[in-house]
């Protein structure tokens, strides 16, 4: 395959594993995601391109294999997070830096992760989260790791593009790239502040939001009145926005919801949805959660951020 030949030729010419996986594969994958987001590529095209990237990672991994000399780390994706390619890239770069890496893959349940930690006793957990709507689950996983006495290095835009939501959920550190993860593992991750009970949540209202998620989804689907073939995808989008609202409340930052709602609006538009569909979602949330003041405040901010008259 041409892509794997490019990667292996670069390695043969002296490029590092990080050079190939971060600067080539990860960069290409960001373009793949952008083409899907803007509707230029179908899901099938996105999956095909991602498969090529996965094959390149496999080829690079097969041509490396340094002996572990620095300790043991576990790499896992947040429960419900099925985008595992970025995590795999991190695992290979960290492995090349001399660590023994156990890659647990996509969507790892918290209880299974904790069980594995007690069995294997790693030095740290690398936790990948791509979507901020998964942040409540990420917080639960971080809490479980800290309770087991294992610090967490967080990664991925799910913790914020600048990592601002990593500390509020108890992570020891956050890295934007695989290179950052390798660098951070050399730091003092075993300080007492990075294990034990996590920092308290900004508010417990997020639990009530998640409890009312089925009601919000049902109301939004009825209000949207979409054809049956589109209703299921729309219901999924509604659930993700509710999760983003809960995550915003959990970390005490309404900007999480504002940014997620803006992104979701772009997706709906790129998929041929009417822009008012996002208003349907926000209105449904506000109606069902009327007795929860912080939710109402955050939802109003999300609506106010939509300043383009064409979106109203």
C-alpha atoms as a PDB file:
ATOM      1  CA  UNK A   1       0.000   0.000   0.000  1.00  0.00           C
ATOM      2  CA  UNK A   2       1.310   3.428  -0.956  1.00  0.00           C
ATOM      3  CA  UNK A   3       0.577   4.991   2.441  1.00  0.00           C
ATOM      4  CA  UNK A   4       2.508   2.353   4.374  1.00  0.00           C
ATOM      5  CA  UNK A   5       5.417   2.615   1.937  1.00  0.00           C
ATOM      6  CA  UNK A   6       5.583   6.367   2.546  1.00  0.00           C
ATOM      7  CA  UNK A   7       5.655   5.793   6.302  1.00  0.00           C
ATOM      8  CA  UNK A   8       8.249   3.026   6.273  1.00  0.00           C
ATOM      9  CA  UNK A   9      10.436   4.949   3.823  1.00  0.00           C
ATOM     10  CA  UNK A  10      10.390   7.885   6.228  1.00  0.00           C
ATOM     11  CA  UNK A  11      11.469   5.620   9.082  1.00  0.00           C
ATOM     12  CA  UNK A  12      14.255   4.205   6.955  1.00  0.00           C
ATOM     13  CA  UNK A  13      15.391   7.744   6.157  1.00  0.00           C
ATOM     14  CA  UNK A  14      15.755   8.564   9.839  1.00  0.00           C
ATOM     15  CA  UNK A  15      12.352   9.942  10.826  1.00  0.00           C
ATOM     16  CA  UNK A  16      11.183   9.048  14.325  1.00  0.00           C
ATOM     17  CA  UNK A  17       8.015   7.166  15.204  1.00  0.00           C
ATOM     18  CA  UNK A  18       6.567  10.438  16.514  1.00  0.00           C
ATOM     19  CA  UNK A  19       7.474  12.207  13.276  1.00  0.00           C
ATOM     20  CA  UNK A  20       5.537   9.682  11.215  1.00  0.00           C
ATOM     21  CA  UNK A  21       2.563   9.063  13.498  1.00  0.00           C
ATOM     22  CA  UNK A  22       2.009  12.602  14.824  1.00  0.00           C
ATOM     23  CA  UNK A  23       3.064  14.761  11.893  1.00  0.00           C
ATOM     24  CA  UNK A  24       1.816  12.486   9.102  1.00  0.00           C
ATOM     25  CA  UNK A  25      -0.907  10.092  10.248  1.00  0.00           C
ATOM     26  CA  UNK A  26      -2.575  12.264  12.909  1.00  0.00           C
ATOM     27  CA  UNK A  27      -2.460  15.300  10.641  1.00  0.00           C
ATOM     28  CA  UNK A  28      -4.034  13.343   7.798  1.00  0.00           C
ATOM     29  CA  UNK A  29      -6.708  12.029  10.125  1.00  0.00           C
ATOM     30  CA  UNK A  30      -7.671  15.558  11.151  1.00  0.00           C
ATOM     31  CA  UNK A  31      -8.307  16.301   7.482  1.00  0.00           C
ATOM     32  CA  UNK A  32     -10.406  13.139   7.224  1.00  0.00           C
ATOM     33  CA  UNK A  33     -12.535  14.312  10.142  1.00  0.00           C
ATOM     34  CA  UNK A  34     -12.937  17.764   8.617  1.00  0.00           C
ATOM     35  CA  UNK A  35     -14.142  16.306   5.327  1.00  0.00           C
ATOM     36  CA  UNK A  36     -16.720  14.195   7.165  1.00  0.00           C
ATOM     37  CA  UNK A  37     -17.838  17.166   9.277  1.00  0.00           C
ATOM     38  CA  UNK A  38     -18.364  19.413   6.252  1.00  0.00           C
ATOM     39  CA  UNK A  39     -20.235  16.721   4.346  1.00  0.00           C
ATOM     40  CA  UNK A  40     -17.617  16.367   1.622  1.00  0.00           C
ATOM     41  CA  UNK A  41     -17.080  12.733   2.592  1.00  0.00           C
ATOM     42  CA  UNK A  42     -19.595  10.086   3.561  1.00  0.00           C
ATOM     43  CA  UNK A  43     -19.275   7.863   6.606  1.00  0.00           C
ATOM     44  CA  UNK A  44     -18.077   5.083   4.303  1.00  0.00           C
ATOM     45  CA  UNK A  45     -15.306   7.267   2.912  1.00  0.00           C
ATOM     46  CA  UNK A  46     -14.284   8.351   6.401  1.00  0.00           C
ATOM     47  CA  UNK A  47     -14.126   4.733   7.560  1.00  0.00           C
ATOM     48  CA  UNK A  48     -12.084   3.690   4.528  1.00  0.00           C
ATOM     49  CA  UNK A  49      -9.569   6.474   5.092  1.00  0.00           C
ATOM     50  CA  UNK A  50      -9.345   5.670   8.806  1.00  0.00           C
ATOM     51  CA  UNK A  51      -8.627   2.044   7.944  1.00  0.00           C
ATOM     52  CA  UNK A  52      -5.670   3.194   5.835  1.00  0.00           C
ATOM     53  CA  UNK A  53      -4.372   5.211   8.794  1.00  0.00           C
ATOM     54  CA  UNK A  54      -4.741   2.171  11.045  1.00  0.00           C
ATOM     55  CA  UNK A  55      -2.716   0.084   8.608  1.00  0.00           C
ATOM     56  CA  UNK A  56       0.035   2.697   8.608  1.00  0.00           C
ATOM     57  CA  UNK A  57       0.160   2.613  12.414  1.00  0.00           C
ATOM     58  CA  UNK A  58       0.384  -1.196  12.280  1.00  0.00           C
ATOM     59  CA  UNK A  59       3.241  -0.997   9.788  1.00  0.00           C
ATOM     60  CA  UNK A  60       5.149   1.512  11.911  1.00  0.00           C
ATOM     61  CA  UNK A  61       4.630  -0.561  15.061  1.00  0.00           C
ATOM     62  CA  UNK A  62       5.907  -3.676  13.286  1.00  0.00           C
ATOM     63  CA  UNK A  63       9.166  -1.923  12.387  1.00  0.00           C
ATOM     64  CA  UNK A  64       9.904  -0.637  15.848  1.00  0.00           C
ATOM     65  CA  UNK A  65       9.938  -2.403  19.178  1.00  0.00           C
ATOM     66  CA  UNK A  66      12.321  -0.925  21.671  1.00  0.00           C
ATOM     67  CA  UNK A  67      12.853  -2.840  24.871  1.00  0.00           C
ATOM     68  CA  UNK A  68      10.828  -1.347  27.732  1.00  0.00           C
ATOM     69  CA  UNK A  69      13.136   0.290  30.258  1.00  0.00           C
ATOM     70  CA  UNK A  70      11.048   2.954  31.967  1.00  0.00           C
ATOM     71  CA  UNK A  71       7.992   1.303  33.519  1.00  0.00           C
ATOM     72  CA  UNK A  72       4.454   0.255  32.634  1.00  0.00           C
ATOM     73  CA  UNK A  73       1.543   2.448  31.484  1.00  0.00           C
ATOM     74  CA  UNK A  74      -1.994   1.594  30.424  1.00  0.00           C
ATOM     75  CA  UNK A  75      -3.655   3.327  27.455  1.00  0.00           C
ATOM     76  CA  UNK A  76      -7.467   3.419  27.375  1.00  0.00           C
ATOM     77  CA  UNK A  77     -10.321   5.313  25.763  1.00  0.00           C
ATOM     78  CA  UNK A  78     -13.167   6.713  27.830  1.00  0.00           C
ATOM     79  CA  UNK A  79     -16.208   4.476  28.074  1.00  0.00           C
ATOM     80  CA  UNK A  80     -18.484   5.248  25.122  1.00  0.00           C
ATOM     81  CA  UNK A  81     -15.583   6.618  23.084  1.00  0.00           C
ATOM     82  CA  UNK A  82     -15.099   4.472  19.978  1.00  0.00           C
ATOM     83  CA  UNK A  83     -12.483   6.622  18.229  1.00  0.00           C
ATOM     84  CA  UNK A  84      -9.358   4.688  19.174  1.00  0.00           C
ATOM     85  CA  UNK A  85      -6.885   5.674  16.448  1.00  0.00           C
ATOM     86  CA  UNK A  86      -5.518   8.700  18.311  1.00  0.00           C
ATOM     87  CA  UNK A  87      -5.038   6.571  21.416  1.00  0.00           C
ATOM     88  CA  UNK A  88      -3.211   3.943  19.381  1.00  0.00           C
ATOM     89  CA  UNK A  89      -0.852   6.610  18.038  1.00  0.00           C
ATOM     90  CA  UNK A  90      -0.121   7.767  21.596  1.00  0.00           C
ATOM     91  CA  UNK A  91       0.523   4.182  22.669  1.00  0.00           C
ATOM     92  CA  UNK A  92       3.081   3.601  19.909  1.00  0.00           C
ATOM     93  CA  UNK A  93       4.908   6.886  20.514  1.00  0.00           C
ATOM     94  CA  UNK A  94       5.096   6.210  24.261  1.00  0.00           C
ATOM     95  CA  UNK A  95       6.242   2.649  23.576  1.00  0.00           C
ATOM     96  CA  UNK A  96       9.000   3.995  21.335  1.00  0.00           C
ATOM     97  CA  UNK A  97      10.060   6.258  24.212  1.00  0.00           C
ATOM     98  CA  UNK A  98      10.879   3.161  26.247  1.00  0.00           C
ATOM     99  CA  UNK A  99       7.701   2.375  28.180  1.00  0.00           C
ATOM    100  CA  UNK A 100       5.869  -0.929  28.342  1.00  0.00           C
ATOM    101  CA  UNK A 101       2.381  -0.058  27.114  1.00  0.00           C
ATOM    102  CA  UNK A 102      -0.806  -2.056  27.515  1.00  0.00           C
ATOM    103  CA  UNK A 103      -3.359  -0.792  25.007  1.00  0.00           C
ATOM    104  CA  UNK A 104      -6.907  -1.528  26.177  1.00  0.00           C
ATOM    105  CA  UNK A 105      -8.593   0.013  23.135  1.00  0.00           C
ATOM    106  CA  UNK A 106     -11.893   1.800  22.692  1.00  0.00           C
ATOM    107  CA  UNK A 107     -14.723   2.282  25.209  1.00  0.00           C
ATOM    108  CA  UNK A 108     -13.277   0.759  28.373  1.00  0.00           C
ATOM    109  CA  UNK A 109     -15.812   0.440  31.227  1.00  0.00           C
ATOM    110  CA  UNK A 110     -14.568   1.963  34.473  1.00  0.00           C
ATOM    111  CA  UNK A 111     -15.050  -1.190  36.517  1.00  0.00           C
ATOM    112  CA  UNK A 112     -13.023  -3.242  34.026  1.00  0.00           C
ATOM    113  CA  UNK A 113     -10.249  -0.662  33.995  1.00  0.00           C
ATOM    114  CA  UNK A 114     -10.032  -0.636  37.797  1.00  0.00           C
ATOM    115  CA  UNK A 115      -9.931  -4.417  37.900  1.00  0.00           C
ATOM    116  CA  UNK A 116      -7.069  -4.400  35.435  1.00  0.00           C
ATOM    117  CA  UNK A 117      -5.198  -1.739  37.401  1.00  0.00           C
ATOM    118  CA  UNK A 118      -5.340  -3.831  40.556  1.00  0.00           C
ATOM    119  CA  UNK A 119      -4.093  -6.865  38.634  1.00  0.00           C
ATOM    120  CA  UNK A 120      -1.248  -5.179  36.766  1.00  0.00           C
ATOM    121  CA  UNK A 121      -0.161  -2.239  38.976  1.00  0.00           C
ATOM    122  CA  UNK A 122       0.889   0.222  36.232  1.00  0.00           C
ATOM    123  CA  UNK A 123       2.760   3.448  36.862  1.00  0.00           C
ATOM    124  CA  UNK A 124       0.134   5.594  35.131  1.00  0.00           C
ATOM    125  CA  UNK A 125      -2.964   5.537  32.938  1.00  0.00           C
ATOM    126  CA  UNK A 126      -3.149   7.431  29.657  1.00  0.00           C
ATOM    127  CA  UNK A 127      -6.810   8.304  29.097  1.00  0.00           C
ATOM    128  CA  UNK A 128      -8.110   9.447  25.707  1.00  0.00           C
ATOM    129  CA  UNK A 129     -11.319  11.449  25.288  1.00  0.00           C
ATOM    130  CA  UNK A 130     -12.224  12.934  21.897  1.00  0.00           C
ATOM    131  CA  UNK A 131     -15.667  14.389  22.575  1.00  0.00           C
ATOM    132  CA  UNK A 132     -16.361  16.681  25.570  1.00  0.00           C
ATOM    133  CA  UNK A 133     -19.824  15.122  25.780  1.00  0.00           C
ATOM    134  CA  UNK A 134     -18.007  12.079  27.264  1.00  0.00           C
ATOM    135  CA  UNK A 135     -16.419  14.136  30.023  1.00  0.00           C
ATOM    136  CA  UNK A 136     -18.694  12.939  32.820  1.00  0.00           C
ATOM    137  CA  UNK A 137     -17.673   9.367  32.056  1.00  0.00           C
ATOM    138  CA  UNK A 138     -14.055  10.477  31.867  1.00  0.00           C
ATOM    139  CA  UNK A 139     -14.386  12.004  35.334  1.00  0.00           C
ATOM    140  CA  UNK A 140     -15.687   8.712  36.697  1.00  0.00           C
ATOM    141  CA  UNK A 141     -12.765   6.838  35.152  1.00  0.00           C
ATOM    142  CA  UNK A 142     -10.241   9.320  36.568  1.00  0.00           C
ATOM    143  CA  UNK A 143     -11.863   8.975  39.991  1.00  0.00           C
ATOM    144  CA  UNK A 144     -11.593   5.189  39.776  1.00  0.00           C
ATOM    145  CA  UNK A 145      -7.929   5.383  38.777  1.00  0.00           C
ATOM    146  CA  UNK A 146      -7.079   7.813  41.582  1.00  0.00           C
ATOM    147  CA  UNK A 147      -8.846   5.597  44.099  1.00  0.00           C
ATOM    148  CA  UNK A 148      -6.681   2.721  42.869  1.00  0.00           C
ATOM    149  CA  UNK A 149      -3.615   4.907  43.455  1.00  0.00           C
ATOM    150  CA  UNK A 150      -2.757   5.339  39.773  1.00  0.00           C
ATOM    151  CA  UNK A 151      -2.356   8.857  38.317  1.00  0.00           C
ATOM    152  CA  UNK A 152      -3.948   9.755  34.988  1.00  0.00           C
ATOM    153  CA  UNK A 153      -2.454  11.622  32.064  1.00  0.00           C
ATOM    154  CA  UNK A 154      -5.396  12.896  30.033  1.00  0.00           C
ATOM    155  CA  UNK A 155      -5.325  13.499  26.306  1.00  0.00           C
ATOM    156  CA  UNK A 156      -7.620  14.521  23.497  1.00  0.00           C
ATOM    157  CA  UNK A 157      -9.885  17.494  22.757  1.00  0.00           C
ATOM    158  CA  UNK A 158     -12.582  16.061  24.995  1.00  0.00           C
ATOM    159  CA  UNK A 159     -10.683  17.650  27.877  1.00  0.00           C
ATOM    160  CA  UNK A 160     -10.669  20.999  26.031  1.00  0.00           C
ATOM    161  CA  UNK A 161      -8.417  22.117  23.210  1.00  0.00           C
ATOM    162  CA  UNK A 162      -6.097  23.533  25.878  1.00  0.00           C
ATOM    163  CA  UNK A 163      -6.755  20.807  28.459  1.00  0.00           C
ATOM    164  CA  UNK A 164      -8.671  23.136  30.765  1.00  0.00           C
ATOM    165  CA  UNK A 165     -11.097  20.420  31.881  1.00  0.00           C
ATOM    166  CA  UNK A 166      -8.467  17.836  32.810  1.00  0.00           C
ATOM    167  CA  UNK A 167      -7.641  19.234  36.257  1.00  0.00           C
ATOM    168  CA  UNK A 168     -11.295  19.730  37.336  1.00  0.00           C
ATOM    169  CA  UNK A 169     -11.897  15.997  36.894  1.00  0.00           C
ATOM    170  CA  UNK A 170      -8.716  15.067  38.757  1.00  0.00           C
ATOM    171  CA  UNK A 171      -6.225  14.215  36.006  1.00  0.00           C
ATOM    172  CA  UNK A 172      -2.556  14.664  36.902  1.00  0.00           C
ATOM    173  CA  UNK A 173      -1.760  16.293  33.550  1.00  0.00           C
ATOM    174  CA  UNK A 174      -3.008  16.785  30.007  1.00  0.00           C
ATOM    175  CA  UNK A 175      -1.171  16.560  26.720  1.00  0.00           C
ATOM    176  CA  UNK A 176      -2.247  17.780  23.292  1.00  0.00           C
ATOM    177  CA  UNK A 177      -0.133  15.263  21.367  1.00  0.00           C
ATOM    178  CA  UNK A 178       1.534  11.898  21.704  1.00  0.00           C
ATOM    179  CA  UNK A 179       4.852  13.694  22.161  1.00  0.00           C
ATOM    180  CA  UNK A 180       3.347  15.516  25.150  1.00  0.00           C
ATOM    181  CA  UNK A 181       2.226  12.221  26.679  1.00  0.00           C
ATOM    182  CA  UNK A 182       5.741  10.792  26.469  1.00  0.00           C
ATOM    183  CA  UNK A 183       7.187  13.960  27.988  1.00  0.00           C
ATOM    184  CA  UNK A 184       4.641  14.141  30.811  1.00  0.00           C
ATOM    185  CA  UNK A 185       5.306  10.574  31.881  1.00  0.00           C
ATOM    186  CA  UNK A 186       8.766  11.726  32.925  1.00  0.00           C
ATOM    187  CA  UNK A 187       7.198  14.174  35.385  1.00  0.00           C
ATOM    188  CA  UNK A 188       6.257  13.705  39.071  1.00  0.00           C
ATOM    189  CA  UNK A 189       2.921  12.001  38.436  1.00  0.00           C
ATOM    190  CA  UNK A 190       2.942  10.101  41.714  1.00  0.00           C
ATOM    191  CA  UNK A 191       2.624  13.191  43.904  1.00  0.00           C
ATOM    192  CA  UNK A 192      -0.119  12.789  46.518  1.00  0.00           C
ATOM    193  CA  UNK A 193      -2.304  15.344  44.784  1.00  0.00           C
ATOM    194  CA  UNK A 194      -2.649  13.071  41.765  1.00  0.00           C
ATOM    195  CA  UNK A 195      -4.126  10.074  43.568  1.00  0.00           C
ATOM    196  CA  UNK A 196      -6.746   9.567  46.233  1.00  0.00           C
ATOM    197  CA  UNK A 197     -10.126  11.345  46.287  1.00  0.00           C
ATOM    198  CA  UNK A 198     -10.704  13.561  43.232  1.00  0.00           C
ATOM    199  CA  UNK A 199     -11.547  17.262  43.466  1.00  0.00           C
ATOM    200  CA  UNK A 200     -15.266  17.895  44.117  1.00  0.00           C
ATOM    201  CA  UNK A 201     -17.594  18.533  41.204  1.00  0.00           C
ATOM    202  CA  UNK A 202     -18.591  22.120  40.475  1.00  0.00           C
ATOM    203  CA  UNK A 203     -22.240  21.169  41.055  1.00  0.00           C
ATOM    204  CA  UNK A 204     -24.268  17.982  41.356  1.00  0.00           C
ATOM    205  CA  UNK A 205     -27.009  19.249  39.028  1.00  0.00           C
ATOM    206  CA  UNK A 206     -25.354  17.320  36.212  1.00  0.00           C
ATOM    207  CA  UNK A 207     -26.723  14.096  37.706  1.00  0.00           C
ATOM    208  CA  UNK A 208     -30.281  15.402  37.365  1.00  0.00           C
ATOM    209  CA  UNK A 209     -29.580  16.451  33.770  1.00  0.00           C
ATOM    210  CA  UNK A 210     -28.437  12.950  32.862  1.00  0.00           C
ATOM    211  CA  UNK A 211     -31.462  11.484  34.628  1.00  0.00           C
ATOM    212  CA  UNK A 212     -33.809  13.545  32.423  1.00  0.00           C
ATOM    213  CA  UNK A 213     -31.983  12.771  29.173  1.00  0.00           C
ATOM    214  CA  UNK A 214     -34.604  10.247  27.889  1.00  0.00           C
ATOM    215  CA  UNK A 215     -37.368  12.814  28.432  1.00  0.00           C
ATOM    216  CA  UNK A 216     -35.426  15.483  26.532  1.00  0.00           C
ATOM    217  CA  UNK A 217     -34.727  13.149  23.633  1.00  0.00           C
ATOM    218  CA  UNK A 218     -38.371  12.121  23.337  1.00  0.00           C
ATOM    219  CA  UNK A 219     -39.600  15.705  23.409  1.00  0.00           C
ATOM    220  CA  UNK A 220     -37.037  16.913  20.864  1.00  0.00           C
ATOM    221  CA  UNK A 221     -37.832  14.094  18.430  1.00  0.00           C
ATOM    222  CA  UNK A 222     -41.544  14.891  18.625  1.00  0.00           C
ATOM    223  CA  UNK A 223     -40.946  18.623  18.186  1.00  0.00           C
ATOM    224  CA  UNK A 224     -38.568  18.121  15.252  1.00  0.00           C
ATOM    225  CA  UNK A 225     -41.085  15.927  13.391  1.00  0.00           C
ATOM    226  CA  UNK A 226     -38.450  14.406  11.115  1.00  0.00           C
ATOM    227  CA  UNK A 227     -38.800  11.535   8.649  1.00  0.00           C
ATOM    228  CA  UNK A 228     -38.249   8.163  10.267  1.00  0.00           C
ATOM    229  CA  UNK A 229     -34.930   7.597   8.492  1.00  0.00           C
ATOM    230  CA  UNK A 230     -33.504  10.762  10.089  1.00  0.00           C
ATOM    231  CA  UNK A 231     -35.152  10.572  13.500  1.00  0.00           C
ATOM    232  CA  UNK A 232     -32.689   8.059  14.980  1.00  0.00           C
ATOM    233  CA  UNK A 233     -29.614  10.116  14.071  1.00  0.00           C
ATOM    234  CA  UNK A 234     -31.299  13.215  15.418  1.00  0.00           C
ATOM    235  CA  UNK A 235     -32.124  11.457  18.700  1.00  0.00           C
ATOM    236  CA  UNK A 236     -28.454  10.540  19.039  1.00  0.00           C
ATOM    237  CA  UNK A 237     -27.461  14.170  18.451  1.00  0.00           C
ATOM    238  CA  UNK A 238     -29.883  15.309  21.154  1.00  0.00           C
ATOM    239  CA  UNK A 239     -28.455  12.801  23.628  1.00  0.00           C
ATOM    240  CA  UNK A 240     -24.928  14.033  22.911  1.00  0.00           C
ATOM    241  CA  UNK A 241     -25.920  17.639  23.558  1.00  0.00           C
ATOM    242  CA  UNK A 242     -27.543  16.677  26.859  1.00  0.00           C
ATOM    243  CA  UNK A 243     -24.323  14.899  27.800  1.00  0.00           C
ATOM    244  CA  UNK A 244     -22.383  18.048  26.893  1.00  0.00           C
ATOM    245  CA  UNK A 245     -24.652  20.120  29.130  1.00  0.00           C
ATOM    246  CA  UNK A 246     -24.076  17.700  31.997  1.00  0.00           C
ATOM    247  CA  UNK A 247     -20.326  17.819  31.385  1.00  0.00           C
ATOM    248  CA  UNK A 248     -20.334  21.629  31.356  1.00  0.00           C
ATOM    249  CA  UNK A 249     -22.086  21.676  34.725  1.00  0.00           C
ATOM    250  CA  UNK A 250     -19.738  18.989  36.076  1.00  0.00           C
ATOM    251  CA  UNK A 251     -16.642  21.110  35.356  1.00  0.00           C
ATOM    252  CA  UNK A 252     -18.353  24.454  35.956  1.00  0.00           C
ATOM    253  CA  UNK A 253     -17.676  25.889  32.500  1.00  0.00           C
ATOM    254  CA  UNK A 254     -20.599  26.900  30.221  1.00  0.00           C
ATOM    255  CA  UNK A 255     -18.169  27.395  27.336  1.00  0.00           C
ATOM    256  CA  UNK A 256     -18.057  23.628  26.963  1.00  0.00           C
ATOM    257  CA  UNK A 257     -21.754  23.624  26.055  1.00  0.00           C
ATOM    258  CA  UNK A 258     -21.459  26.762  23.904  1.00  0.00           C
ATOM    259  CA  UNK A 259     -18.663  25.241  21.824  1.00  0.00           C
ATOM    260  CA  UNK A 260     -20.339  21.840  21.551  1.00  0.00           C
ATOM    261  CA  UNK A 261     -23.662  23.349  20.481  1.00  0.00           C
ATOM    262  CA  UNK A 262     -21.877  25.379  17.812  1.00  0.00           C
ATOM    263  CA  UNK A 263     -20.124  22.267  16.506  1.00  0.00           C
ATOM    264  CA  UNK A 264     -23.339  20.258  16.545  1.00  0.00           C
ATOM    265  CA  UNK A 265     -25.114  22.986  14.610  1.00  0.00           C
ATOM    266  CA  UNK A 266     -22.447  22.752  11.912  1.00  0.00           C
ATOM    267  CA  UNK A 267     -22.885  18.996  11.715  1.00  0.00           C
ATOM    268  CA  UNK A 268     -26.661  19.283  11.358  1.00  0.00           C
ATOM    269  CA  UNK A 269     -26.257  21.844   8.593  1.00  0.00           C
ATOM    270  CA  UNK A 270     -23.625  19.766   6.778  1.00  0.00           C
ATOM    271  CA  UNK A 271     -25.954  16.763   6.899  1.00  0.00           C
ATOM    272  CA  UNK A 272     -28.764  18.730   5.298  1.00  0.00           C
ATOM    273  CA  UNK A 273     -30.620  19.445   8.517  1.00  0.00           C
ATOM    274  CA  UNK A 274     -32.575  22.637   8.956  1.00  0.00           C
ATOM    275  CA  UNK A 275     -30.648  25.020  11.195  1.00  0.00           C
ATOM    276  CA  UNK A 276     -33.661  25.457  13.495  1.00  0.00           C
ATOM    277  CA  UNK A 277     -33.108  21.845  14.571  1.00  0.00           C
ATOM    278  CA  UNK A 278     -30.511  23.046  17.052  1.00  0.00           C
ATOM    279  CA  UNK A 279     -33.086  25.449  18.453  1.00  0.00           C
ATOM    280  CA  UNK A 280     -35.425  22.484  18.884  1.00  0.00           C
ATOM    281  CA  UNK A 281     -32.768  20.715  20.923  1.00  0.00           C
ATOM    282  CA  UNK A 282     -31.991  23.715  23.113  1.00  0.00           C
ATOM    283  CA  UNK A 283     -35.688  24.485  23.642  1.00  0.00           C
ATOM    284  CA  UNK A 284     -36.427  20.888  24.602  1.00  0.00           C
ATOM    285  CA  UNK A 285     -33.601  20.925  27.134  1.00  0.00           C
ATOM    286  CA  UNK A 286     -34.858  24.184  28.617  1.00  0.00           C
ATOM    287  CA  UNK A 287     -38.443  22.946  28.931  1.00  0.00           C
ATOM    288  CA  UNK A 288     -37.595  19.645  30.591  1.00  0.00           C
ATOM    289  CA  UNK A 289     -34.955  21.187  32.868  1.00  0.00           C
ATOM    290  CA  UNK A 290     -36.951  24.292  33.781  1.00  0.00           C
ATOM    291  CA  UNK A 291     -36.545  23.641  37.509  1.00  0.00           C
ATOM    292  CA  UNK A 292     -32.743  23.544  37.260  1.00  0.00           C
ATOM    293  CA  UNK A 293     -31.342  27.109  37.249  1.00  0.00           C
ATOM    294  CA  UNK A 294     -27.763  26.367  36.216  1.00  0.00           C
ATOM    295  CA  UNK A 295     -28.957  24.358  33.234  1.00  0.00           C
ATOM    296  CA  UNK A 296     -31.156  27.267  32.198  1.00  0.00           C
ATOM    297  CA  UNK A 297     -28.253  29.705  32.448  1.00  0.00           C
ATOM    298  CA  UNK A 298     -25.966  27.515  30.363  1.00  0.00           C
ATOM    299  CA  UNK A 299     -28.622  26.912  27.712  1.00  0.00           C
ATOM    300  CA  UNK A 300     -29.286  30.641  27.393  1.00  0.00           C
ATOM    301  CA  UNK A 301     -25.590  31.246  26.849  1.00  0.00           C
ATOM    302  CA  UNK A 302     -25.511  28.561  24.152  1.00  0.00           C
ATOM    303  CA  UNK A 303     -28.435  30.177  22.365  1.00  0.00           C
ATOM    304  CA  UNK A 304     -26.980  33.694  22.692  1.00  0.00           C
ATOM    305  CA  UNK A 305     -23.731  32.482  21.093  1.00  0.00           C
ATOM    306  CA  UNK A 306     -25.597  31.782  17.863  1.00  0.00           C
ATOM    307  CA  UNK A 307     -25.271  35.286  16.464  1.00  0.00           C
ATOM    308  CA  UNK A 308     -25.662  34.512  12.771  1.00  0.00           C
ATOM    309  CA  UNK A 309     -29.196  35.616  11.796  1.00  0.00           C
ATOM    310  CA  UNK A 310     -29.340  32.778   9.271  1.00  0.00           C
ATOM    311  CA  UNK A 311     -29.090  30.304  12.154  1.00  0.00           C
ATOM    312  CA  UNK A 312     -32.073  31.647  14.042  1.00  0.00           C
END
